[in-house]
Amino acid sequence: MSLTPVLLKAYYELLYDRLESILDPVRQRIPTLLHEEIQRRWAGLPPEKQQAYHEAALAFLVERLEMYNPIGVQYLFDRGDPRDAFELEMSLNWYDPRPEYRRLVQTAHEIASRADNPDQLNILARELLHACDAYPDRSIIRAYEADPALNKLPDYLVARAIEEFLATG
């Protein structure tokens, strides 16, 4: 039996725990990132629209936390055909996380294949997180920076804030 699927579940559990532990600082960082991004790209955006993007980013943050929820991930991976769920998710996203996901799975496979002791799953999950960051943040950041748009802004703010705090902790 391959350790890769188990390692991926441990990775998502670790992401959930980490995001839960930094949730308040991430929430507090979002308005600053929003202000910086508005000054850089969207000067003149009315305050009520700025507030709407702030609220959307906070909602996306909650959604992201639930995406990593071990119970939710277990449900996603253990029910039905995960490929169907993955393809549906891909069709709904404005960014393409497929290359990032392939890299995540490949890195998980490499780490799992050289693991001496599956009891060290937490250590392996931390190694995977260090190597790949929080999926799908790289895809979101890259796509937004390549083609900024206001409809992408809430996702971008959440991805940036999460990555900043994961990098420091």
Protein backbone atom coordinates (compact mmCIF):
# COMPACT_ATOMS: atom_id res chain seq x y z
CA MET A 1 0.00 0.00 0.00
CA SER A 2 1.29 3.45 -0.91
CA LEU A 3 1.86 5.97 1.83
CA THR A 4 1.20 8.87 -0.57
CA PRO A 5 -2.60 9.16 -0.05
CA VAL A 6 -2.13 8.95 3.71
CA LEU A 7 0.58 11.61 3.55
CA LEU A 8 -1.70 13.89 1.51
CA LYS A 9 -4.43 13.54 4.15
CA ALA A 10 -1.88 14.35 6.86
CA TYR A 11 -0.79 17.39 4.83
CA TYR A 12 -4.36 18.70 4.68
CA GLU A 13 -4.82 18.05 8.40
CA LEU A 14 -1.62 19.98 9.09
CA LEU A 15 -2.83 22.83 6.87
CA TYR A 16 -6.11 22.89 8.77
CA ASP A 17 -4.36 23.03 12.13
CA ARG A 18 -1.91 25.69 10.97
CA LEU A 19 -4.57 27.85 9.36
CA GLU A 20 -6.79 27.52 12.39
CA SER A 21 -3.90 28.67 14.60
CA ILE A 22 -3.15 31.74 12.44
CA LEU A 23 -6.72 32.59 11.51
CA ASP A 24 -6.90 35.83 13.51
CA PRO A 25 -3.57 37.24 12.26
CA VAL A 26 -4.53 36.32 8.68
CA ARG A 27 -7.88 38.07 9.14
CA GLN A 28 -6.06 41.13 10.45
CA ARG A 29 -3.57 41.12 7.56
CA ILE A 30 -6.22 41.06 4.81
CA PRO A 31 -7.26 44.76 5.13
CA THR A 32 -3.63 45.87 4.79
CA LEU A 33 -3.07 43.70 1.74
CA LEU A 34 -6.36 44.96 0.29
CA HIS A 35 -5.34 48.57 0.83
CA GLU A 36 -1.92 47.97 -0.77
CA GLU A 37 -3.47 46.23 -3.78
CA ILE A 38 -6.08 48.95 -4.26
CA GLN A 39 -3.38 51.62 -4.15
CA ARG A 40 -1.27 49.68 -6.67
CA ARG A 41 -3.93 48.57 -9.16
CA TRP A 42 -7.40 49.80 -8.34
CA ALA A 43 -7.07 53.41 -7.22
CA GLY A 44 -10.42 55.13 -7.10
CA LEU A 45 -12.36 52.03 -6.07
CA PRO A 46 -15.25 53.36 -3.93
CA PRO A 47 -15.07 52.55 -0.20
CA GLU A 48 -18.25 50.46 -0.29
CA LYS A 49 -16.73 48.24 -2.99
CA GLN A 50 -13.49 48.00 -1.00
CA GLN A 51 -15.58 46.85 1.96
CA ALA A 52 -17.32 44.28 -0.22
CA TYR A 53 -13.98 42.83 -1.36
CA HIS A 54 -12.80 42.75 2.24
CA GLU A 55 -15.93 40.84 3.29
CA ALA A 56 -15.56 38.47 0.35
CA ALA A 57 -11.95 37.77 1.29
CA LEU A 58 -12.99 36.94 4.86
CA ALA A 59 -15.65 34.57 3.51
CA PHE A 60 -13.07 32.95 1.23
CA LEU A 61 -10.80 32.50 4.25
CA VAL A 62 -13.51 30.54 6.05
CA GLU A 63 -14.08 28.52 2.88
CA ARG A 64 -10.36 27.77 2.67
CA LEU A 65 -10.27 26.60 6.28
CA GLU A 66 -13.12 24.23 5.52
CA MET A 67 -11.33 22.99 2.41
CA TYR A 68 -8.53 21.76 4.67
CA ASN A 69 -10.89 20.40 7.32
CA PRO A 70 -9.84 16.78 7.95
CA ILE A 71 -13.46 15.67 8.03
CA GLY A 72 -14.21 17.45 4.75
CA VAL A 73 -11.06 16.14 3.07
CA GLN A 74 -11.82 12.64 4.26
CA TYR A 75 -15.32 12.96 2.83
CA LEU A 76 -13.95 14.24 -0.47
CA PHE A 77 -11.36 11.50 -0.81
CA ASP A 78 -13.38 8.58 0.53
CA ARG A 79 -16.67 9.07 -1.29
CA GLY A 80 -17.42 8.61 -4.95
CA ASP A 81 -14.78 9.20 -7.55
CA PRO A 82 -12.28 11.84 -6.37
CA ARG A 83 -11.37 12.56 -9.99
CA ASP A 84 -14.92 13.75 -10.67
CA ALA A 85 -14.81 16.09 -7.67
CA PHE A 86 -11.39 17.34 -8.74
CA GLU A 87 -12.55 18.00 -12.32
CA LEU A 88 -15.63 19.83 -11.06
CA GLU A 89 -13.45 21.99 -8.84
CA MET A 90 -11.10 22.73 -11.76
CA SER A 91 -13.99 23.85 -13.94
CA LEU A 92 -15.20 26.27 -11.26
CA ASN A 93 -11.85 27.93 -10.56
CA TRP A 94 -10.61 31.06 -12.37
CA TYR A 95 -7.05 29.80 -11.90
CA ASP A 96 -5.53 26.51 -13.00
CA PRO A 97 -4.10 24.61 -10.03
CA ARG A 98 -3.39 21.40 -11.97
CA PRO A 99 0.38 21.91 -12.28
CA GLU A 100 0.59 22.82 -8.60
CA TYR A 101 -1.50 19.80 -7.66
CA ARG A 102 0.65 17.49 -9.78
CA ARG A 103 3.72 18.90 -8.05
CA LEU A 104 2.09 18.38 -4.64
CA VAL A 105 1.25 14.75 -5.41
CA GLN A 106 4.67 14.08 -6.96
CA THR A 107 6.45 15.60 -3.97
CA ALA A 108 4.22 13.63 -1.59
CA HIS A 109 5.09 10.47 -3.50
CA GLU A 110 8.82 11.23 -3.32
CA ILE A 111 8.68 11.96 0.39
CA ALA A 112 6.54 8.90 1.08
CA SER A 113 8.79 6.61 -0.97
CA ARG A 114 11.87 7.45 1.11
CA ALA A 115 10.06 7.38 4.44
CA ASP A 116 11.59 4.90 6.84
CA ASN A 117 8.80 4.96 9.34
CA PRO A 118 5.14 5.73 8.55
CA ASP A 119 4.72 6.63 12.23
CA GLN A 120 6.56 9.86 11.38
CA LEU A 121 3.61 11.07 9.33
CA ASN A 122 3.51 14.48 11.03
CA ILE A 123 7.18 15.09 10.22
CA LEU A 124 6.59 14.01 6.61
CA ALA A 125 3.52 16.27 6.34
CA ARG A 126 5.57 19.24 7.61
CA GLU A 127 8.23 18.45 5.00
CA LEU A 128 5.56 18.37 2.30
CA LEU A 129 4.09 21.67 3.48
CA HIS A 130 7.54 23.26 3.52
CA ALA A 131 8.22 22.03 -0.02
CA CYS A 132 4.85 22.91 -1.55
CA ASP A 133 3.24 25.63 0.58
CA ALA A 134 -0.54 25.67 1.02
CA TYR A 135 -2.25 24.28 -2.07
CA PRO A 136 -3.57 26.09 -4.19
CA ASP A 137 -1.95 29.40 -3.11
CA ARG A 138 0.85 29.39 -5.67
CA SER A 139 -1.66 28.97 -8.49
CA ILE A 140 -3.89 31.75 -7.20
CA ILE A 141 -1.02 34.20 -6.69
CA ARG A 142 0.56 33.41 -10.05
CA ALA A 143 -2.72 33.72 -11.98
CA TYR A 144 -3.71 36.97 -10.28
CA GLU A 145 -0.31 38.57 -10.81
CA ALA A 146 -0.32 37.52 -14.48
CA ASP A 147 -3.78 38.97 -15.08
CA PRO A 148 -5.13 41.05 -12.17
CA ALA A 149 -8.88 41.44 -11.96
CA LEU A 150 -11.18 42.56 -9.19
CA ASN A 151 -13.12 39.28 -9.22
CA LYS A 152 -9.84 37.48 -8.39
CA LEU A 153 -8.89 39.86 -5.59
CA PRO A 154 -10.51 38.06 -2.60
CA ASP A 155 -8.82 34.74 -3.44
CA TYR A 156 -5.52 36.53 -3.98
CA LEU A 157 -5.69 38.34 -0.64
CA VAL A 158 -6.38 35.10 1.22
CA ALA A 159 -3.58 33.24 -0.57
CA ARG A 160 -1.06 36.03 0.07
CA ALA A 161 -1.97 36.34 3.75
CA ILE A 162 -1.85 32.58 4.34
CA GLU A 163 1.52 32.25 2.64
CA GLU A 164 2.98 35.15 4.63
CA PHE A 165 2.03 33.57 7.94
CA LEU A 166 2.99 30.04 6.95
CA ALA A 167 6.42 31.32 5.90
CA THR A 168 7.00 32.88 9.32
CA GLY A 169 5.72 29.97 11.37
